[in-house]
Amino acid sequence: MLLKIKRLNPVVRMSMLVFAAVLAAALVVLGAKLWHLRYGEKLAPIVALDADLADAVYFDPILPPEGPLRVYHLGHSLVGRDMPAMLAQLAGKGHAFDSQLGWGTALRAHWEPLVRINGYRRENAHPNHQPAHKAIESGTYDALIVTEMVEIRDAIRYFHSGDYLFLWAQAARKANPEARVYLYETWHPLDDPEGWLERLDRDLDLYWEGEILRPALAREGLGGPIHVIPGGQVFAALVREIEARGGVGNAARREDLFALNADGTQDMIHFNDLGAYLMALTHYAVLYHRSPVGLPHQLRRADGTAADAPDAELARLMQETVWRIVTNYPKTGVAQAGG
């Protein structure tokens, strides 16, 4: 067919190629619209919800789960494979999990079938992968944990983060009205020109809550609150403790919680085993409403190999820091310590 087109008059050939391109684009749009109808992407109306009203949603903590949880992780490399596997080891017998990951993937890309997820095959080549829509529609998960791509401002501006948080939460609750939904707050690169700690201090209220969580809460039909796993806040608190003390155990500075690239240079955003352990503790505390103090700190990666472990002093500080942050941030849904 392509050979026959090449033999045509150049003007006719160009017209046919333009028509083919237009037709292809139209089919993509039509397919997307049909998918939107399939998954109910016509968004519910927004109701008035200012910051005070949004905060009031979290006035009362939720009850701790009665037993082990089946959890679905939706996100990217700041979730990774090892952190959910560490969480499962901390939670113990009965905890189960599946996931869908990509490289820097937005919530919108996970939702839309015609948007390519970079790194999909590589990141999901493991036994705990389940395709996201199929998994959520099964109604078999007790908790859905989602995170958004960073740069967070780009995610909000170009990929409508609040809308897609709502859609994922709504889908989970349609399949299982008792499902708990969590937004996992992450972080930006260590070398962010606006300052890494400065952005963690600012971005939680400004973007994660103000531009993602609050718009999702403001739509009718959500079926319940969306709680927060404050990963960035835990990282900030721990780093401040470590650096103020001139080092704790086997970590002396923030970079010691982050990976190295293959050439030995510093990876500015992806955690190493120590950081993965810290985030696993954070997920454990929020999901199970239990203090992580005293939990094991010598764990395995997803592939079964021994993870680089924090020493006892650093592990204790990590565990105490996680519980302090989680129990002092109402949007986790966890009751305040001693409350």
C-alpha atoms as a PDB file:
ATOM      1  CA  MET A   1       0.000   0.000   0.000  1.00  0.00           C
ATOM      2  CA  LEU A   2       2.812   2.390   0.949  1.00  0.00           C
ATOM      3  CA  LEU A   3       4.557   1.639  -2.376  1.00  0.00           C
ATOM      4  CA  LYS A   4       1.410   2.510  -4.307  1.00  0.00           C
ATOM      5  CA  ILE A   5       1.100   5.820  -2.446  1.00  0.00           C
ATOM      6  CA  LYS A   6       4.689   6.706  -3.294  1.00  0.00           C
ATOM      7  CA  ARG A   7       3.932   6.264  -7.014  1.00  0.00           C
ATOM      8  CA  LEU A   8       1.027   8.741  -6.956  1.00  0.00           C
ATOM      9  CA  ASN A   9       1.142  12.361  -8.077  1.00  0.00           C
ATOM     10  CA  PRO A  10       2.874  14.356  -5.263  1.00  0.00           C
ATOM     11  CA  VAL A  11      -0.197  16.544  -4.666  1.00  0.00           C
ATOM     12  CA  VAL A  12      -2.509  13.537  -4.481  1.00  0.00           C
ATOM     13  CA  ARG A  13      -0.022  11.681  -2.294  1.00  0.00           C
ATOM     14  CA  MET A  14       0.180  14.610   0.133  1.00  0.00           C
ATOM     15  CA  SER A  15      -3.615  14.882   0.279  1.00  0.00           C
ATOM     16  CA  MET A  16      -3.934  11.192   1.076  1.00  0.00           C
ATOM     17  CA  LEU A  17      -1.300  11.390   3.809  1.00  0.00           C
ATOM     18  CA  VAL A  18      -2.978  14.430   5.368  1.00  0.00           C
ATOM     19  CA  PHE A  19      -6.352  12.659   5.267  1.00  0.00           C
ATOM     20  CA  ALA A  20      -4.825   9.584   6.914  1.00  0.00           C
ATOM     21  CA  ALA A  21      -3.302  11.703   9.677  1.00  0.00           C
ATOM     22  CA  VAL A  22      -6.570  13.507  10.315  1.00  0.00           C
ATOM     23  CA  LEU A  23      -8.459  10.213  10.386  1.00  0.00           C
ATOM     24  CA  ALA A  24      -5.980   8.736  12.841  1.00  0.00           C
ATOM     25  CA  ALA A  25      -6.292  11.754  15.122  1.00  0.00           C
ATOM     26  CA  ALA A  26     -10.084  11.545  14.952  1.00  0.00           C
ATOM     27  CA  LEU A  27     -10.009   7.886  15.917  1.00  0.00           C
ATOM     28  CA  VAL A  28      -7.790   8.671  18.905  1.00  0.00           C
ATOM     29  CA  VAL A  29     -10.207  11.378  20.069  1.00  0.00           C
ATOM     30  CA  LEU A  30     -13.203   9.100  19.513  1.00  0.00           C
ATOM     31  CA  GLY A  31     -11.513   6.277  21.382  1.00  0.00           C
ATOM     32  CA  ALA A  32     -10.726   8.599  24.273  1.00  0.00           C
ATOM     33  CA  LYS A  33     -14.331   9.823  24.401  1.00  0.00           C
ATOM     34  CA  LEU A  34     -15.651   6.281  24.405  1.00  0.00           C
ATOM     35  CA  TRP A  35     -13.248   5.413  27.227  1.00  0.00           C
ATOM     36  CA  HIS A  36     -14.411   8.445  29.169  1.00  0.00           C
ATOM     37  CA  LEU A  37     -17.996   7.258  28.821  1.00  0.00           C
ATOM     38  CA  ARG A  38     -16.930   3.768  29.880  1.00  0.00           C
ATOM     39  CA  TYR A  39     -15.323   5.011  33.079  1.00  0.00           C
ATOM     40  CA  GLY A  40     -17.731   7.828  33.889  1.00  0.00           C
ATOM     41  CA  GLU A  41     -15.257  10.625  33.335  1.00  0.00           C
ATOM     42  CA  LYS A  42     -18.022  13.207  33.211  1.00  0.00           C
ATOM     43  CA  LEU A  43     -17.077  14.854  36.469  1.00  0.00           C
ATOM     44  CA  ALA A  44     -19.547  15.517  39.237  1.00  0.00           C
ATOM     45  CA  PRO A  45     -20.385  19.125  40.101  1.00  0.00           C
ATOM     46  CA  ILE A  46     -18.123  21.062  42.448  1.00  0.00           C
ATOM     47  CA  VAL A  47     -19.612  22.146  45.747  1.00  0.00           C
ATOM     48  CA  ALA A  48     -18.361  25.074  47.818  1.00  0.00           C
ATOM     49  CA  LEU A  49     -15.415  23.900  49.930  1.00  0.00           C
ATOM     50  CA  ASP A  50     -12.927  26.379  51.331  1.00  0.00           C
ATOM     51  CA  ALA A  51      -9.831  25.462  53.327  1.00  0.00           C
ATOM     52  CA  ASP A  52     -11.647  25.500  56.676  1.00  0.00           C
ATOM     53  CA  LEU A  53     -14.421  23.229  55.432  1.00  0.00           C
ATOM     54  CA  ALA A  54     -11.870  20.888  53.872  1.00  0.00           C
ATOM     55  CA  ASP A  55      -9.987  20.690  57.165  1.00  0.00           C
ATOM     56  CA  ALA A  56     -13.229  19.921  58.995  1.00  0.00           C
ATOM     57  CA  VAL A  57     -13.544  16.694  56.988  1.00  0.00           C
ATOM     58  CA  TYR A  58     -10.558  15.429  58.989  1.00  0.00           C
ATOM     59  CA  PHE A  59     -11.689  16.580  62.420  1.00  0.00           C
ATOM     60  CA  ASP A  60     -12.421  13.019  63.517  1.00  0.00           C
ATOM     61  CA  PRO A  61      -9.848  10.288  62.860  1.00  0.00           C
ATOM     62  CA  ILE A  62     -10.974   7.089  61.204  1.00  0.00           C
ATOM     63  CA  LEU A  63     -11.039   3.749  62.979  1.00  0.00           C
ATOM     64  CA  PRO A  64      -7.985   1.513  62.656  1.00  0.00           C
ATOM     65  CA  PRO A  65      -8.431  -1.459  60.335  1.00  0.00           C
ATOM     66  CA  GLU A  66      -9.595  -4.635  62.019  1.00  0.00           C
ATOM     67  CA  GLY A  67      -7.071  -6.866  60.331  1.00  0.00           C
ATOM     68  CA  PRO A  68      -4.519  -7.169  57.536  1.00  0.00           C
ATOM     69  CA  LEU A  69      -5.071  -5.040  54.457  1.00  0.00           C
ATOM     70  CA  ARG A  70      -4.988  -5.694  50.758  1.00  0.00           C
ATOM     71  CA  VAL A  71      -3.425  -2.584  49.241  1.00  0.00           C
ATOM     72  CA  TYR A  72      -3.080  -1.238  45.712  1.00  0.00           C
ATOM     73  CA  HIS A  73      -0.225   1.185  44.949  1.00  0.00           C
ATOM     74  CA  LEU A  74      -0.622   3.438  41.900  1.00  0.00           C
ATOM     75  CA  GLY A  75       2.257   5.688  40.985  1.00  0.00           C
ATOM     76  CA  HIS A  76       5.829   5.770  39.770  1.00  0.00           C
ATOM     77  CA  SER A  77       9.429   5.348  40.893  1.00  0.00           C
ATOM     78  CA  LEU A  78       8.889   7.226  44.177  1.00  0.00           C
ATOM     79  CA  VAL A  79       6.761   4.222  45.083  1.00  0.00           C
ATOM     80  CA  GLY A  80       9.001   1.651  43.461  1.00  0.00           C
ATOM     81  CA  ARG A  81       9.048  -2.094  43.999  1.00  0.00           C
ATOM     82  CA  ASP A  82      11.069  -2.312  47.198  1.00  0.00           C
ATOM     83  CA  MET A  83       9.059   0.038  49.406  1.00  0.00           C
ATOM     84  CA  PRO A  84       5.745  -1.895  49.095  1.00  0.00           C
ATOM     85  CA  ALA A  85       7.670  -5.136  49.714  1.00  0.00           C
ATOM     86  CA  MET A  86       9.190  -3.641  52.870  1.00  0.00           C
ATOM     87  CA  LEU A  87       5.756  -2.461  53.977  1.00  0.00           C
ATOM     88  CA  ALA A  88       4.459  -6.020  53.617  1.00  0.00           C
ATOM     89  CA  GLN A  89       7.261  -7.300  55.839  1.00  0.00           C
ATOM     90  CA  LEU A  90       6.497  -4.677  58.488  1.00  0.00           C
ATOM     91  CA  ALA A  91       2.751  -5.396  58.373  1.00  0.00           C
ATOM     92  CA  GLY A  92       3.213  -9.133  58.671  1.00  0.00           C
ATOM     93  CA  LYS A  93       1.053 -12.108  57.806  1.00  0.00           C
ATOM     94  CA  GLY A  94      -2.052 -11.375  55.766  1.00  0.00           C
ATOM     95  CA  HIS A  95      -0.944  -8.074  54.240  1.00  0.00           C
ATOM     96  CA  ALA A  96      -1.074  -8.236  50.445  1.00  0.00           C
ATOM     97  CA  PHE A  97      -0.391  -5.715  47.711  1.00  0.00           C
ATOM     98  CA  ASP A  98      -0.389  -5.096  43.986  1.00  0.00           C
ATOM     99  CA  SER A  99       0.685  -2.102  41.955  1.00  0.00           C
ATOM    100  CA  GLN A 100       0.966  -0.293  38.655  1.00  0.00           C
ATOM    101  CA  LEU A 101       3.995   1.926  38.124  1.00  0.00           C
ATOM    102  CA  GLY A 102       5.627   4.025  35.436  1.00  0.00           C
ATOM    103  CA  TRP A 103       8.421   6.538  35.030  1.00  0.00           C
ATOM    104  CA  GLY A 104       7.273   9.919  36.343  1.00  0.00           C
ATOM    105  CA  THR A 105       3.703   8.938  35.531  1.00  0.00           C
ATOM    106  CA  ALA A 106       0.763  11.281  36.086  1.00  0.00           C
ATOM    107  CA  LEU A 107      -2.535  10.028  37.484  1.00  0.00           C
ATOM    108  CA  ARG A 108      -4.109  10.988  34.178  1.00  0.00           C
ATOM    109  CA  ALA A 109      -1.767   8.689  32.243  1.00  0.00           C
ATOM    110  CA  HIS A 110      -2.683   5.761  34.485  1.00  0.00           C
ATOM    111  CA  TRP A 111      -6.366   6.501  33.851  1.00  0.00           C
ATOM    112  CA  GLU A 112      -6.264   7.023  30.078  1.00  0.00           C
ATOM    113  CA  PRO A 113      -5.660   3.926  27.911  1.00  0.00           C
ATOM    114  CA  LEU A 114      -4.437   5.965  24.947  1.00  0.00           C
ATOM    115  CA  VAL A 115      -1.772   7.838  26.901  1.00  0.00           C
ATOM    116  CA  ARG A 116       1.539   6.018  26.894  1.00  0.00           C
ATOM    117  CA  ILE A 117       3.001   5.167  30.302  1.00  0.00           C
ATOM    118  CA  ASN A 118       6.764   5.472  30.024  1.00  0.00           C
ATOM    119  CA  GLY A 119       8.569   2.478  31.471  1.00  0.00           C
ATOM    120  CA  TYR A 120       5.376   0.442  31.798  1.00  0.00           C
ATOM    121  CA  ARG A 121       6.833  -2.909  30.761  1.00  0.00           C
ATOM    122  CA  ARG A 122      10.002  -2.611  32.791  1.00  0.00           C
ATOM    123  CA  GLU A 123       8.447  -1.232  35.980  1.00  0.00           C
ATOM    124  CA  ASN A 124       5.606  -3.745  35.999  1.00  0.00           C
ATOM    125  CA  ALA A 125       7.617  -6.870  35.193  1.00  0.00           C
ATOM    126  CA  HIS A 126       7.047  -8.460  38.593  1.00  0.00           C
ATOM    127  CA  PRO A 127       4.475 -10.769  40.229  1.00  0.00           C
ATOM    128  CA  ASN A 128       2.662  -7.988  42.098  1.00  0.00           C
ATOM    129  CA  HIS A 129       1.589  -6.062  39.019  1.00  0.00           C
ATOM    130  CA  GLN A 130      -2.120  -5.910  38.263  1.00  0.00           C
ATOM    131  CA  PRO A 131      -3.507  -3.538  35.576  1.00  0.00           C
ATOM    132  CA  ALA A 132      -4.944  -0.579  37.414  1.00  0.00           C
ATOM    133  CA  HIS A 133      -8.521  -0.388  36.137  1.00  0.00           C
ATOM    134  CA  LYS A 134      -9.044  -4.132  36.288  1.00  0.00           C
ATOM    135  CA  ALA A 135      -7.647  -4.250  39.806  1.00  0.00           C
ATOM    136  CA  ILE A 136      -9.677  -1.352  41.173  1.00  0.00           C
ATOM    137  CA  GLU A 137     -12.900  -2.523  39.527  1.00  0.00           C
ATOM    138  CA  SER A 138     -12.513  -5.903  41.235  1.00  0.00           C
ATOM    139  CA  GLY A 139     -13.466  -4.299  44.545  1.00  0.00           C
ATOM    140  CA  THR A 140     -11.059  -6.573  46.395  1.00  0.00           C
ATOM    141  CA  TYR A 141      -8.693  -3.912  47.774  1.00  0.00           C
ATOM    142  CA  ASP A 142      -9.101  -2.396  51.219  1.00  0.00           C
ATOM    143  CA  ALA A 143      -6.913   0.602  50.401  1.00  0.00           C
ATOM    144  CA  LEU A 144      -5.925   2.485  47.262  1.00  0.00           C
ATOM    145  CA  ILE A 145      -2.762   4.602  47.496  1.00  0.00           C
ATOM    146  CA  VAL A 146      -2.082   7.007  44.632  1.00  0.00           C
ATOM    147  CA  THR A 147       0.609   9.591  44.024  1.00  0.00           C
ATOM    148  CA  GLU A 148       1.067  12.279  41.419  1.00  0.00           C
ATOM    149  CA  MET A 149       4.047  13.008  39.207  1.00  0.00           C
ATOM    150  CA  VAL A 150       6.465  15.781  40.072  1.00  0.00           C
ATOM    151  CA  GLU A 151       7.074  18.622  39.113  1.00  0.00           C
ATOM    152  CA  ILE A 152       3.785  18.984  40.973  1.00  0.00           C
ATOM    153  CA  ARG A 153       2.980  22.356  39.412  1.00  0.00           C
ATOM    154  CA  ASP A 154       3.183  20.828  35.936  1.00  0.00           C
ATOM    155  CA  ALA A 155       0.980  17.917  37.004  1.00  0.00           C
ATOM    156  CA  ILE A 156      -1.678  20.321  38.236  1.00  0.00           C
ATOM    157  CA  ARG A 157      -1.464  22.678  35.269  1.00  0.00           C
ATOM    158  CA  TYR A 158      -1.283  20.182  32.417  1.00  0.00           C
ATOM    159  CA  PHE A 159      -2.689  16.917  33.784  1.00  0.00           C
ATOM    160  CA  HIS A 160      -5.573  18.070  36.025  1.00  0.00           C
ATOM    161  CA  SER A 161      -4.401  16.269  39.152  1.00  0.00           C
ATOM    162  CA  GLY A 162      -7.437  17.031  41.298  1.00  0.00           C
ATOM    163  CA  ASP A 163      -9.827  15.677  38.677  1.00  0.00           C
ATOM    164  CA  TYR A 164      -7.964  12.407  38.318  1.00  0.00           C
ATOM    165  CA  LEU A 165      -7.543  11.958  42.051  1.00  0.00           C
ATOM    166  CA  PHE A 166     -11.314  12.244  42.269  1.00  0.00           C
ATOM    167  CA  LEU A 167     -11.830   9.751  39.440  1.00  0.00           C
ATOM    168  CA  TRP A 168      -9.542   7.131  40.974  1.00  0.00           C
ATOM    169  CA  ALA A 169     -11.110   7.584  44.406  1.00  0.00           C
ATOM    170  CA  GLN A 170     -14.610   7.414  42.968  1.00  0.00           C
ATOM    171  CA  ALA A 171     -13.768   4.248  41.012  1.00  0.00           C
ATOM    172  CA  ALA A 172     -12.367   2.580  44.130  1.00  0.00           C
ATOM    173  CA  ARG A 173     -15.448   3.433  46.170  1.00  0.00           C
ATOM    174  CA  LYS A 174     -17.862   2.351  43.458  1.00  0.00           C
ATOM    175  CA  ALA A 175     -16.213  -1.063  43.475  1.00  0.00           C
ATOM    176  CA  ASN A 176     -15.851  -1.217  47.249  1.00  0.00           C
ATOM    177  CA  PRO A 177     -17.712   1.415  49.324  1.00  0.00           C
ATOM    178  CA  GLU A 178     -15.516   0.595  52.323  1.00  0.00           C
ATOM    179  CA  ALA A 179     -12.252   1.191  50.475  1.00  0.00           C
ATOM    180  CA  ARG A 180      -9.853   3.681  52.029  1.00  0.00           C
ATOM    181  CA  VAL A 181      -8.163   6.079  49.621  1.00  0.00           C
ATOM    182  CA  TYR A 182      -4.825   7.774  50.253  1.00  0.00           C
ATOM    183  CA  LEU A 183      -2.803  10.440  48.475  1.00  0.00           C
ATOM    184  CA  TYR A 184       0.925   9.782  48.935  1.00  0.00           C
ATOM    185  CA  GLU A 185       2.751  13.128  49.204  1.00  0.00           C
ATOM    186  CA  THR A 186       6.231  12.954  47.713  1.00  0.00           C
ATOM    187  CA  TRP A 187       9.064  15.422  47.063  1.00  0.00           C
ATOM    188  CA  HIS A 188      11.144  17.221  44.454  1.00  0.00           C
ATOM    189  CA  PRO A 189      14.843  16.790  43.591  1.00  0.00           C
ATOM    190  CA  LEU A 190      17.412  17.572  46.249  1.00  0.00           C
ATOM    191  CA  ASP A 191      18.915  20.241  43.995  1.00  0.00           C
ATOM    192  CA  ASP A 192      15.637  22.075  43.374  1.00  0.00           C
ATOM    193  CA  PRO A 193      16.637  25.735  42.856  1.00  0.00           C
ATOM    194  CA  GLU A 194      13.891  26.885  45.234  1.00  0.00           C
ATOM    195  CA  GLY A 195      15.283  24.703  48.020  1.00  0.00           C
ATOM    196  CA  TRP A 196      14.380  21.128  48.886  1.00  0.00           C
ATOM    197  CA  LEU A 197      13.277  21.695  52.476  1.00  0.00           C
ATOM    198  CA  GLU A 198      11.694  25.016  51.519  1.00  0.00           C
ATOM    199  CA  ARG A 199       9.501  23.332  48.935  1.00  0.00           C
ATOM    200  CA  LEU A 200       8.510  20.545  51.310  1.00  0.00           C
ATOM    201  CA  ASP A 201       7.418  23.171  53.822  1.00  0.00           C
ATOM    202  CA  ARG A 202       5.449  25.129  51.237  1.00  0.00           C
ATOM    203  CA  ASP A 203       4.111  22.612  48.751  1.00  0.00           C
ATOM    204  CA  LEU A 204       2.014  20.468  51.089  1.00  0.00           C
ATOM    205  CA  ASP A 205      -0.551  23.180  51.759  1.00  0.00           C
ATOM    206  CA  LEU A 206      -0.153  25.049  48.494  1.00  0.00           C
ATOM    207  CA  TYR A 207      -0.248  22.205  45.973  1.00  0.00           C
ATOM    208  CA  TRP A 208      -0.876  18.755  47.458  1.00  0.00           C
ATOM    209  CA  GLU A 209      -3.751  19.982  49.595  1.00  0.00           C
ATOM    210  CA  GLY A 210      -4.813  23.202  47.910  1.00  0.00           C
ATOM    211  CA  GLU A 211      -4.658  22.160  44.253  1.00  0.00           C
ATOM    212  CA  ILE A 212      -5.103  18.372  44.338  1.00  0.00           C
ATOM    213  CA  LEU A 213      -6.807  17.154  47.498  1.00  0.00           C
ATOM    214  CA  ARG A 214      -9.257  20.022  48.039  1.00  0.00           C
ATOM    215  CA  PRO A 215     -10.642  20.076  44.461  1.00  0.00           C
ATOM    216  CA  ALA A 216     -11.190  16.309  44.649  1.00  0.00           C
ATOM    217  CA  LEU A 217     -13.005  16.643  47.975  1.00  0.00           C
ATOM    218  CA  ALA A 218     -15.172  19.417  46.514  1.00  0.00           C
ATOM    219  CA  ARG A 219     -16.840  17.148  43.969  1.00  0.00           C
ATOM    220  CA  GLU A 220     -20.107  15.416  44.731  1.00  0.00           C
ATOM    221  CA  GLY A 221     -20.156  11.644  44.873  1.00  0.00           C
ATOM    222  CA  LEU A 222     -16.699  11.066  46.327  1.00  0.00           C
ATOM    223  CA  GLY A 223     -18.096   8.734  48.973  1.00  0.00           C
ATOM    224  CA  GLY A 224     -15.723   9.673  51.780  1.00  0.00           C
ATOM    225  CA  PRO A 225     -12.517  11.538  52.590  1.00  0.00           C
ATOM    226  CA  ILE A 226      -9.152  11.016  50.943  1.00  0.00           C
ATOM    227  CA  HIS A 227      -6.395  10.760  53.523  1.00  0.00           C
ATOM    228  CA  VAL A 228      -2.739  11.654  53.104  1.00  0.00           C
ATOM    229  CA  ILE A 229       0.453   9.650  53.519  1.00  0.00           C
ATOM    230  CA  PRO A 230       2.903  12.485  54.298  1.00  0.00           C
ATOM    231  CA  GLY A 231       6.064  11.117  52.739  1.00  0.00           C
ATOM    232  CA  GLY A 232       7.630  14.490  52.022  1.00  0.00           C
ATOM    233  CA  GLN A 233       6.904  15.766  55.527  1.00  0.00           C
ATOM    234  CA  VAL A 234       8.535  12.715  57.115  1.00  0.00           C
ATOM    235  CA  PHE A 235      11.623  13.114  54.935  1.00  0.00           C
ATOM    236  CA  ALA A 236      11.883  16.795  55.897  1.00  0.00           C
ATOM    237  CA  ALA A 237      11.527  16.105  59.619  1.00  0.00           C
ATOM    238  CA  LEU A 238      14.093  13.298  59.605  1.00  0.00           C
ATOM    239  CA  VAL A 239      16.624  15.264  57.567  1.00  0.00           C
ATOM    240  CA  ARG A 240      16.342  18.214  59.942  1.00  0.00           C
ATOM    241  CA  GLU A 241      17.023  15.908  62.908  1.00  0.00           C
ATOM    242  CA  ILE A 242      19.975  14.181  61.247  1.00  0.00           C
ATOM    243  CA  GLU A 243      21.634  17.345  60.010  1.00  0.00           C
ATOM    244  CA  ALA A 244      21.031  19.288  63.239  1.00  0.00           C
ATOM    245  CA  ARG A 245      22.821  16.540  65.183  1.00  0.00           C
ATOM    246  CA  GLY A 246      25.698  16.286  62.726  1.00  0.00           C
ATOM    247  CA  GLY A 247      24.598  12.771  61.775  1.00  0.00           C
ATOM    248  CA  VAL A 248      22.705   9.922  63.398  1.00  0.00           C
ATOM    249  CA  GLY A 249      23.869   6.349  63.075  1.00  0.00           C
ATOM    250  CA  ASN A 250      24.755   5.561  59.480  1.00  0.00           C
ATOM    251  CA  ALA A 251      23.272   8.743  57.992  1.00  0.00           C
ATOM    252  CA  ALA A 252      25.004  12.113  58.227  1.00  0.00           C
ATOM    253  CA  ARG A 253      23.147  14.156  55.601  1.00  0.00           C
ATOM    254  CA  ARG A 254      20.083  14.056  53.381  1.00  0.00           C
ATOM    255  CA  GLU A 255      21.972  12.500  50.482  1.00  0.00           C
ATOM    256  CA  ASP A 256      22.539   9.381  52.581  1.00  0.00           C
ATOM    257  CA  LEU A 257      18.825   8.569  52.159  1.00  0.00           C
ATOM    258  CA  PHE A 258      18.968   8.785  48.371  1.00  0.00           C
ATOM    259  CA  ALA A 259      20.367   6.496  45.696  1.00  0.00           C
ATOM    260  CA  LEU A 260      23.475   6.792  43.575  1.00  0.00           C
ATOM    261  CA  ASN A 261      23.403   6.618  39.800  1.00  0.00           C
ATOM    262  CA  ALA A 262      25.207   3.841  37.952  1.00  0.00           C
ATOM    263  CA  ASP A 263      28.217   6.125  37.460  1.00  0.00           C
ATOM    264  CA  GLY A 264      28.445   6.870  41.181  1.00  0.00           C
ATOM    265  CA  THR A 265      26.956  10.354  41.028  1.00  0.00           C
ATOM    266  CA  GLN A 266      24.136  11.404  43.315  1.00  0.00           C
ATOM    267  CA  ASP A 267      20.585  10.550  42.280  1.00  0.00           C
ATOM    268  CA  MET A 268      18.687  13.647  43.292  1.00  0.00           C
ATOM    269  CA  ILE A 269      15.189  12.215  43.743  1.00  0.00           C
ATOM    270  CA  HIS A 270      15.035   8.419  44.140  1.00  0.00           C
ATOM    271  CA  PHE A 271      15.451   6.960  47.601  1.00  0.00           C
ATOM    272  CA  ASN A 272      17.926   4.220  48.420  1.00  0.00           C
ATOM    273  CA  ASP A 273      17.171   1.347  50.796  1.00  0.00           C
ATOM    274  CA  LEU A 274      17.282   3.660  53.824  1.00  0.00           C
ATOM    275  CA  GLY A 275      14.762   6.010  52.212  1.00  0.00           C
ATOM    276  CA  ALA A 276      12.587   3.086  51.124  1.00  0.00           C
ATOM    277  CA  TYR A 277      12.536   1.846  54.713  1.00  0.00           C
ATOM    278  CA  LEU A 278      11.523   5.304  55.930  1.00  0.00           C
ATOM    279  CA  MET A 279       8.630   5.448  53.467  1.00  0.00           C
ATOM    280  CA  ALA A 280       7.561   1.892  54.331  1.00  0.00           C
ATOM    281  CA  LEU A 281       7.373   2.936  57.990  1.00  0.00           C
ATOM    282  CA  THR A 282       5.278   5.952  57.008  1.00  0.00           C
ATOM    283  CA  HIS A 283       2.831   3.851  55.002  1.00  0.00           C
ATOM    284  CA  TYR A 284       2.620   1.321  57.838  1.00  0.00           C
ATOM    285  CA  ALA A 285       1.820   3.976  60.460  1.00  0.00           C
ATOM    286  CA  VAL A 286      -0.896   5.594  58.329  1.00  0.00           C
ATOM    287  CA  LEU A 287      -2.517   2.412  57.061  1.00  0.00           C
ATOM    288  CA  TYR A 288      -2.505   0.473  60.332  1.00  0.00           C
ATOM    289  CA  HIS A 289      -2.714   3.319  62.896  1.00  0.00           C
ATOM    290  CA  ARG A 290       0.119   1.700  64.826  1.00  0.00           C
ATOM    291  CA  SER A 291       3.363   3.126  66.096  1.00  0.00           C
ATOM    292  CA  PRO A 292       6.281   1.749  64.095  1.00  0.00           C
ATOM    293  CA  VAL A 293       8.637   2.100  67.062  1.00  0.00           C
ATOM    294  CA  GLY A 294      10.287  -1.243  67.682  1.00  0.00           C
ATOM    295  CA  LEU A 295       9.626  -2.725  64.254  1.00  0.00           C
ATOM    296  CA  PRO A 296      12.424  -4.684  62.527  1.00  0.00           C
ATOM    297  CA  HIS A 297      14.893  -2.637  60.520  1.00  0.00           C
ATOM    298  CA  GLN A 298      16.736  -5.363  58.635  1.00  0.00           C
ATOM    299  CA  LEU A 299      14.454  -6.135  55.709  1.00  0.00           C
ATOM    300  CA  ARG A 300      14.581  -7.541  52.187  1.00  0.00           C
ATOM    301  CA  ARG A 301      14.120  -5.891  48.836  1.00  0.00           C
ATOM    302  CA  ALA A 302      11.394  -7.048  46.460  1.00  0.00           C
ATOM    303  CA  ASP A 303      13.811  -9.469  44.793  1.00  0.00           C
ATOM    304  CA  GLY A 304      14.552 -11.174  48.110  1.00  0.00           C
ATOM    305  CA  THR A 305      18.038  -9.759  48.622  1.00  0.00           C
ATOM    306  CA  ALA A 306      18.986  -8.129  51.905  1.00  0.00           C
ATOM    307  CA  ALA A 307      18.402  -4.380  51.891  1.00  0.00           C
ATOM    308  CA  ASP A 308      20.986  -1.941  53.217  1.00  0.00           C
ATOM    309  CA  ALA A 309      19.658  -1.353  56.705  1.00  0.00           C
ATOM    310  CA  PRO A 310      19.699   1.638  59.028  1.00  0.00           C
ATOM    311  CA  ASP A 311      21.631   0.869  62.184  1.00  0.00           C
ATOM    312  CA  ALA A 312      19.704   0.630  65.432  1.00  0.00           C
ATOM    313  CA  GLU A 313      20.133   4.316  66.356  1.00  0.00           C
ATOM    314  CA  LEU A 314      18.983   5.626  62.983  1.00  0.00           C
ATOM    315  CA  ALA A 315      16.129   3.105  62.776  1.00  0.00           C
ATOM    316  CA  ARG A 316      14.816   4.263  66.152  1.00  0.00           C
ATOM    317  CA  LEU A 317      14.934   7.912  65.079  1.00  0.00           C
ATOM    318  CA  MET A 318      13.152   7.057  61.822  1.00  0.00           C
ATOM    319  CA  GLN A 319      10.395   5.209  63.656  1.00  0.00           C
ATOM    320  CA  GLU A 320       9.884   7.948  66.246  1.00  0.00           C
ATOM    321  CA  THR A 321       9.885  10.667  63.593  1.00  0.00           C
ATOM    322  CA  VAL A 322       7.309   8.844  61.474  1.00  0.00           C
ATOM    323  CA  TRP A 323       4.927   8.409  64.400  1.00  0.00           C
ATOM    324  CA  ARG A 324       5.322  12.039  65.471  1.00  0.00           C
ATOM    325  CA  ILE A 325       4.528  13.382  61.997  1.00  0.00           C
ATOM    326  CA  VAL A 326       1.692  10.943  61.293  1.00  0.00           C
ATOM    327  CA  THR A 327      -0.086  11.567  64.601  1.00  0.00           C
ATOM    328  CA  ASN A 328       0.237  15.347  64.379  1.00  0.00           C
ATOM    329  CA  TYR A 329      -1.165  15.698  60.880  1.00  0.00           C
ATOM    330  CA  PRO A 330      -4.965  15.187  60.952  1.00  0.00           C
ATOM    331  CA  LYS A 331      -5.241  14.365  57.256  1.00  0.00           C
ATOM    332  CA  THR A 332      -3.599  10.989  57.870  1.00  0.00           C
ATOM    333  CA  GLY A 333      -6.793   9.913  59.655  1.00  0.00           C
ATOM    334  CA  VAL A 334      -4.706   8.572  62.528  1.00  0.00           C
ATOM    335  CA  ALA A 335      -5.655   9.635  66.058  1.00  0.00           C
ATOM    336  CA  GLN A 336      -3.174  11.886  67.834  1.00  0.00           C
ATOM    337  CA  ALA A 337      -0.844  10.082  70.186  1.00  0.00           C
ATOM    338  CA  GLY A 338      -2.406  10.101  73.640  1.00  0.00           C
ATOM    339  CA  GLY A 339      -5.639  11.503  72.214  1.00  0.00           C
END
